[in-house]
C-alpha cells in the first residue's frame, strides 16, 4: 500500500496541474475521486479515506486550504 505522504505528494501535483486563478488565488475545482481511483487502482471505499488523509496532510503542511470538507474546492496557499 502507498503511504499517505506519497498520496499527498501526488494529489498536490494534480492540484497544481489543474489550478486556475480566481480572485487572485490559485484554486482547484477538479474532483479527486476519479483521478485517484484510476491513478492508484482504488475502489470507492478506499478512495474516500485516501482523499481525506491526503488533503489533511497537505493542510498540515500548509500547502492547501479546504474551506468546505464536503466540497471539492482546494485553495493553494503557496
C-alpha atoms as a PDB file:
ATOM      1  CA  UNK A   1       0.000   0.000   0.000  1.00  0.00           C
ATOM      2  CA  UNK A   2       1.174   3.516  -0.779  1.00  0.00           C
ATOM      3  CA  UNK A   3       1.953   5.757   2.212  1.00  0.00           C
ATOM      4  CA  UNK A   4      -0.241   8.772   2.857  1.00  0.00           C
ATOM      5  CA  UNK A   5       2.721  11.091   2.227  1.00  0.00           C
ATOM      6  CA  UNK A   6       3.070   9.630  -1.278  1.00  0.00           C
ATOM      7  CA  UNK A   7      -0.661  10.070  -1.954  1.00  0.00           C
ATOM      8  CA  UNK A   8      -0.407  13.632  -0.654  1.00  0.00           C
ATOM      9  CA  UNK A   9       2.522  14.416  -2.954  1.00  0.00           C
ATOM     10  CA  UNK A  10       0.634  13.029  -5.958  1.00  0.00           C
ATOM     11  CA  UNK A  11      -2.538  14.910  -5.029  1.00  0.00           C
ATOM     12  CA  UNK A  12      -0.565  18.133  -4.678  1.00  0.00           C
ATOM     13  CA  UNK A  13       0.915  17.671  -8.151  1.00  0.00           C
ATOM     14  CA  UNK A  14      -2.589  17.023  -9.519  1.00  0.00           C
ATOM     15  CA  UNK A  15      -3.982  20.110  -7.786  1.00  0.00           C
ATOM     16  CA  UNK A  16      -1.160  22.297  -9.089  1.00  0.00           C
ATOM     17  CA  UNK A  17      -1.638  20.982 -12.629  1.00  0.00           C
ATOM     18  CA  UNK A  18      -5.384  21.712 -12.566  1.00  0.00           C
ATOM     19  CA  UNK A  19      -5.321  25.011 -10.671  1.00  0.00           C
ATOM     20  CA  UNK A  20      -6.864  28.164 -12.060  1.00  0.00           C
ATOM     21  CA  UNK A  21      -6.724  31.710 -10.725  1.00  0.00           C
ATOM     22  CA  UNK A  22      -9.905  33.072  -9.134  1.00  0.00           C
ATOM     23  CA  UNK A  23      -9.959  36.370  -7.283  1.00  0.00           C
ATOM     24  CA  UNK A  24      -6.174  36.368  -7.170  1.00  0.00           C
ATOM     25  CA  UNK A  25      -5.972  32.902  -5.589  1.00  0.00           C
ATOM     26  CA  UNK A  26      -4.913  29.639  -7.187  1.00  0.00           C
ATOM     27  CA  UNK A  27      -7.720  27.134  -6.760  1.00  0.00           C
ATOM     28  CA  UNK A  28      -8.525  23.655  -7.960  1.00  0.00           C
ATOM     29  CA  UNK A  29     -12.097  22.539  -8.589  1.00  0.00           C
ATOM     30  CA  UNK A  30     -11.269  19.209 -10.242  1.00  0.00           C
ATOM     31  CA  UNK A  31     -12.681  16.209  -8.360  1.00  0.00           C
ATOM     32  CA  UNK A  32     -10.029  13.968  -6.872  1.00  0.00           C
ATOM     33  CA  UNK A  33     -12.059  10.735  -6.641  1.00  0.00           C
ATOM     34  CA  UNK A  34     -11.995   9.699 -10.319  1.00  0.00           C
ATOM     35  CA  UNK A  35      -8.328  10.541 -10.739  1.00  0.00           C
ATOM     36  CA  UNK A  36      -7.254   8.801  -7.506  1.00  0.00           C
ATOM     37  CA  UNK A  37      -9.274   5.705  -8.381  1.00  0.00           C
ATOM     38  CA  UNK A  38      -7.637   5.460 -11.797  1.00  0.00           C
ATOM     39  CA  UNK A  39      -4.089   6.514 -10.819  1.00  0.00           C
ATOM     40  CA  UNK A  40      -3.843   4.216  -7.795  1.00  0.00           C
ATOM     41  CA  UNK A  41      -6.355   1.498  -8.697  1.00  0.00           C
ATOM     42  CA  UNK A  42      -8.556   2.237  -5.682  1.00  0.00           C
ATOM     43  CA  UNK A  43     -12.179   1.301  -5.183  1.00  0.00           C
ATOM     44  CA  UNK A  44     -14.825   3.758  -3.975  1.00  0.00           C
ATOM     45  CA  UNK A  45     -14.445   2.679  -0.347  1.00  0.00           C
ATOM     46  CA  UNK A  46     -10.656   3.106  -0.386  1.00  0.00           C
ATOM     47  CA  UNK A  47     -10.595   6.395  -2.256  1.00  0.00           C
ATOM     48  CA  UNK A  48     -12.683   8.225   0.343  1.00  0.00           C
ATOM     49  CA  UNK A  49     -10.172   7.574   3.102  1.00  0.00           C
ATOM     50  CA  UNK A  50      -7.181   8.257   0.874  1.00  0.00           C
ATOM     51  CA  UNK A  51      -8.539  11.581  -0.354  1.00  0.00           C
ATOM     52  CA  UNK A  52      -9.362  12.730   3.153  1.00  0.00           C
ATOM     53  CA  UNK A  53      -5.989  11.694   4.554  1.00  0.00           C
ATOM     54  CA  UNK A  54      -4.035  13.189   1.633  1.00  0.00           C
ATOM     55  CA  UNK A  55      -5.829  16.537   1.817  1.00  0.00           C
ATOM     56  CA  UNK A  56      -5.416  16.672   5.608  1.00  0.00           C
ATOM     57  CA  UNK A  57      -1.697  16.013   5.144  1.00  0.00           C
ATOM     58  CA  UNK A  58      -1.471  18.851   2.608  1.00  0.00           C
ATOM     59  CA  UNK A  59      -3.324  21.133   5.022  1.00  0.00           C
ATOM     60  CA  UNK A  60      -0.940  20.113   7.803  1.00  0.00           C
ATOM     61  CA  UNK A  61       1.979  21.053   5.537  1.00  0.00           C
ATOM     62  CA  UNK A  62       0.333  24.410   4.849  1.00  0.00           C
ATOM     63  CA  UNK A  63       0.054  23.800   1.099  1.00  0.00           C
ATOM     64  CA  UNK A  64      -3.732  23.890   0.664  1.00  0.00           C
ATOM     65  CA  UNK A  65      -6.863  25.099   2.367  1.00  0.00           C
ATOM     66  CA  UNK A  66     -10.184  23.339   2.090  1.00  0.00           C
ATOM     67  CA  UNK A  67     -12.978  25.722   3.108  1.00  0.00           C
ATOM     68  CA  UNK A  68     -15.694  23.067   2.992  1.00  0.00           C
ATOM     69  CA  UNK A  69     -14.798  19.479   3.901  1.00  0.00           C
ATOM     70  CA  UNK A  70     -17.691  18.225   1.758  1.00  0.00           C
ATOM     71  CA  UNK A  71     -16.732  20.313  -1.282  1.00  0.00           C
ATOM     72  CA  UNK A  72     -14.099  19.751  -3.930  1.00  0.00           C
ATOM     73  CA  UNK A  73     -12.594  23.261  -3.822  1.00  0.00           C
ATOM     74  CA  UNK A  74      -8.953  23.337  -2.766  1.00  0.00           C
ATOM     75  CA  UNK A  75      -7.089  26.641  -2.392  1.00  0.00           C
ATOM     76  CA  UNK A  76      -3.332  26.552  -2.895  1.00  0.00           C
ATOM     77  CA  UNK A  77      -1.577  28.555  -0.215  1.00  0.00           C
ATOM     78  CA  UNK A  78       1.957  28.603  -1.629  1.00  0.00           C
END
